[in-house]
């Protein structure tokens, strides 16, 4: 276990099991369609890659970078698009893949933006849902795990661009992010 973690909350195996379940759910929901799967970088990239590889449905992939945290542990509430999509979403079935739905600001902004660009359908899948932190009335269509108010890192999730490559998810020690 990484020395900056208080504890491990999810193992590689537990994550892999939920990723397969999310892929099966998407396959059932999008049978016969050719959706555009969008990863919200950087946090969702590990989850995204495992998810689309586990799907049987053929998907086109694209990426966006949206930032609302910077080097902070608190959302600014104003998600900013840093890098936009290359593909058009017009008349497409869109799957938005998020690492975590926390305040809900990013998910709301992305839904409004992509539906405004003409997406036919908008389906959201998140690795983690943190409803205790929600500021807007929105939720993902599918959440792999619901978590409490702990600050978690690993499997794509970071603090100040660190810990993303951990193969498991753990709770970061308070002294690390309250410096």
Protein backbone atom coordinates (compact mmCIF):
# COMPACT_ATOMS: atom_id res chain seq x y z
CA UNK A 1 0.00 0.00 0.00
CA UNK A 2 1.18 3.52 -0.81
CA UNK A 3 2.55 5.32 2.29
CA UNK A 4 0.26 8.35 1.72
CA UNK A 5 -2.89 6.26 2.05
CA UNK A 6 -4.91 5.70 5.18
CA UNK A 7 -6.39 2.48 3.79
CA UNK A 8 -7.33 0.64 0.62
CA UNK A 9 -11.07 0.70 -0.02
CA UNK A 10 -11.26 -1.19 -3.32
CA UNK A 11 -8.92 -3.80 -4.73
CA UNK A 12 -8.06 -4.32 -8.38
CA UNK A 13 -10.31 -7.36 -8.43
CA UNK A 14 -13.31 -5.54 -6.96
CA UNK A 15 -12.93 -2.75 -9.51
CA UNK A 16 -12.59 -5.21 -12.42
CA UNK A 17 -15.82 -6.98 -11.41
CA UNK A 18 -17.79 -3.70 -11.41
CA UNK A 19 -16.26 -2.58 -14.71
CA UNK A 20 -17.48 -5.80 -16.36
CA UNK A 21 -20.98 -5.23 -14.92
CA UNK A 22 -21.02 -1.65 -16.26
CA UNK A 23 -19.95 -2.89 -19.71
CA UNK A 24 -22.72 -5.50 -19.73
CA UNK A 25 -25.26 -2.84 -18.72
CA UNK A 26 -24.11 -0.58 -21.58
CA UNK A 27 -24.19 -3.47 -24.05
CA UNK A 28 -27.79 -4.20 -23.13
CA UNK A 29 -28.81 -0.54 -23.21
CA UNK A 30 -27.10 0.23 -26.52
CA UNK A 31 -27.65 -3.02 -28.43
CA UNK A 32 -27.66 -2.41 -32.17
CA UNK A 33 -26.24 1.11 -31.89
CA UNK A 34 -22.78 2.50 -32.57
CA UNK A 35 -22.25 4.98 -29.75
CA UNK A 36 -19.55 7.55 -29.18
CA UNK A 37 -17.87 6.91 -25.83
CA UNK A 38 -16.26 9.98 -24.28
CA UNK A 39 -13.70 9.88 -21.50
CA UNK A 40 -13.46 12.90 -19.26
CA UNK A 41 -9.71 13.18 -18.80
CA UNK A 42 -7.66 12.60 -16.89
CA UNK A 43 -9.47 10.92 -14.02
CA UNK A 44 -11.59 8.47 -15.98
CA UNK A 45 -8.93 7.17 -18.38
CA UNK A 46 -8.13 3.92 -16.51
CA UNK A 47 -11.83 3.14 -16.02
CA UNK A 48 -12.67 4.22 -19.57
CA UNK A 49 -10.09 1.97 -21.23
CA UNK A 50 -11.11 -1.07 -19.19
CA UNK A 51 -14.81 -0.33 -19.76
CA UNK A 52 -14.73 0.03 -23.56
CA UNK A 53 -12.50 -3.06 -23.88
CA UNK A 54 -15.04 -5.06 -21.85
CA UNK A 55 -17.97 -3.95 -24.04
CA UNK A 56 -19.25 -6.07 -26.93
CA UNK A 57 -20.93 -3.06 -28.56
CA UNK A 58 -18.67 -1.38 -31.14
CA UNK A 59 -17.87 2.15 -29.99
CA UNK A 60 -16.01 5.13 -31.33
CA UNK A 61 -13.92 6.82 -28.63
CA UNK A 62 -13.04 10.42 -27.96
CA UNK A 63 -11.69 12.49 -25.09
CA UNK A 64 -12.35 15.78 -23.34
CA UNK A 65 -10.42 17.45 -20.58
CA UNK A 66 -12.62 19.25 -18.09
CA UNK A 67 -11.20 20.81 -14.95
CA UNK A 68 -12.95 22.01 -11.84
CA UNK A 69 -10.37 21.11 -9.17
CA UNK A 70 -6.90 22.24 -10.26
CA UNK A 71 -4.54 21.41 -7.38
CA UNK A 72 -7.30 21.68 -4.79
CA UNK A 73 -9.33 19.00 -3.03
CA UNK A 74 -12.51 21.09 -3.50
CA UNK A 75 -14.43 21.68 -6.74
CA UNK A 76 -14.48 25.27 -7.97
CA UNK A 77 -18.08 24.77 -9.10
CA UNK A 78 -17.14 26.15 -12.52
CA UNK A 79 -16.05 23.28 -14.79
CA UNK A 80 -13.80 24.53 -17.58
CA UNK A 81 -13.30 22.70 -20.88
CA UNK A 82 -9.56 22.52 -21.37
CA UNK A 83 -9.60 20.18 -24.40
CA UNK A 84 -12.68 19.63 -26.57
CA UNK A 85 -13.80 16.64 -28.61
CA UNK A 86 -12.50 15.89 -32.10
CA UNK A 87 -15.70 14.04 -33.12
CA UNK A 88 -19.15 15.50 -33.62
CA UNK A 89 -21.89 14.31 -31.26
CA UNK A 90 -24.72 15.41 -33.59
CA UNK A 91 -27.28 12.61 -33.97
CA UNK A 92 -25.05 10.25 -31.94
CA UNK A 93 -25.74 8.05 -28.94
CA UNK A 94 -23.23 9.44 -26.46
CA UNK A 95 -21.75 7.62 -23.47
CA UNK A 96 -20.01 9.97 -21.06
CA UNK A 97 -17.57 8.13 -18.79
CA UNK A 98 -16.65 9.90 -15.55
CA UNK A 99 -14.36 8.91 -12.71
CA UNK A 100 -16.49 10.43 -9.96
CA UNK A 101 -19.69 12.42 -9.63
CA UNK A 102 -19.14 14.68 -6.67
CA UNK A 103 -20.79 18.12 -6.73
CA UNK A 104 -22.50 17.27 -10.03
CA UNK A 105 -21.36 20.49 -11.72
CA UNK A 106 -19.18 18.75 -14.32
CA UNK A 107 -21.82 16.16 -15.19
CA UNK A 108 -24.48 18.85 -15.55
CA UNK A 109 -22.20 21.01 -17.72
CA UNK A 110 -21.27 18.07 -19.94
CA UNK A 111 -24.89 16.93 -20.36
CA UNK A 112 -26.06 20.42 -21.27
CA UNK A 113 -23.14 20.96 -23.65
CA UNK A 114 -23.39 17.64 -25.50
CA UNK A 115 -27.19 17.60 -25.74
CA UNK A 116 -26.97 21.21 -26.95
CA UNK A 117 -24.63 20.01 -29.70
CA UNK A 118 -27.31 17.61 -30.91
CA UNK A 119 -26.56 14.26 -29.28
CA UNK A 120 -29.47 11.83 -29.82
CA UNK A 121 -29.07 10.21 -26.41
CA UNK A 122 -26.84 10.87 -23.43
CA UNK A 123 -25.87 8.04 -21.09
CA UNK A 124 -23.52 8.54 -18.17
CA UNK A 125 -21.44 5.93 -16.43
CA UNK A 126 -19.29 6.76 -13.44
CA UNK A 127 -16.90 4.70 -11.42
CA UNK A 128 -17.82 6.52 -8.20
CA UNK A 129 -20.83 8.43 -6.97
CA UNK A 130 -20.46 10.67 -3.93
CA UNK A 131 -24.06 11.84 -3.30
CA UNK A 132 -23.22 13.46 0.05
CA UNK A 133 -21.33 16.18 -1.86
CA UNK A 134 -23.97 16.88 -4.52
CA UNK A 135 -24.68 20.57 -5.19
CA UNK A 136 -26.98 20.10 -8.19
CA UNK A 137 -29.83 17.63 -8.74
CA UNK A 138 -28.17 15.22 -11.17
CA UNK A 139 -26.88 11.66 -11.09
CA UNK A 140 -25.21 9.23 -13.45
CA UNK A 141 -27.30 6.60 -15.23
CA UNK A 142 -24.95 3.92 -13.90
CA UNK A 143 -22.56 4.09 -10.94
CA UNK A 144 -20.17 1.30 -10.09
CA UNK A 145 -19.64 2.33 -6.47
CA UNK A 146 -21.30 4.77 -4.07
CA UNK A 147 -18.83 6.20 -1.61
CA UNK A 148 -18.84 8.45 1.42
CA UNK A 149 -17.07 11.74 1.86
CA UNK A 150 -13.52 10.34 1.96
CA UNK A 151 -10.86 11.74 -0.35
CA UNK A 152 -9.97 8.78 -2.56
CA UNK A 153 -7.16 8.30 -5.06
CA UNK A 154 -5.95 5.57 -7.40
CA UNK A 155 -7.19 3.92 -10.60
CA UNK A 156 -7.18 7.31 -12.34
CA UNK A 157 -8.24 9.50 -9.43
CA UNK A 158 -5.65 11.95 -8.23
CA UNK A 159 -4.63 14.63 -5.83
CA UNK A 160 -2.47 17.31 -7.47
CA UNK A 161 -1.76 14.93 -10.40
CA UNK A 162 -0.39 12.19 -8.10
CA UNK A 163 -1.58 8.62 -7.35
CA UNK A 164 -3.45 8.04 -10.67
CA UNK A 165 -1.49 4.91 -11.53
CA UNK A 166 -2.27 2.99 -8.34
CA UNK A 167 -4.11 -0.19 -9.43
CA UNK A 168 -6.45 0.04 -6.42
CA UNK A 169 -8.39 2.85 -4.72
CA UNK A 170 -7.51 4.14 -1.29
CA UNK A 171 -8.30 6.94 1.12
CA UNK A 172 -5.66 9.67 1.10
CA UNK A 173 -4.35 10.71 4.51
CA UNK A 174 -5.67 14.14 5.53
CA UNK A 175 -2.20 15.51 6.22
CA UNK A 176 -1.36 15.10 2.55
CA UNK A 177 -4.13 17.38 1.21
CA UNK A 178 -4.56 19.70 4.21
CA UNK A 179 -0.98 21.01 4.10
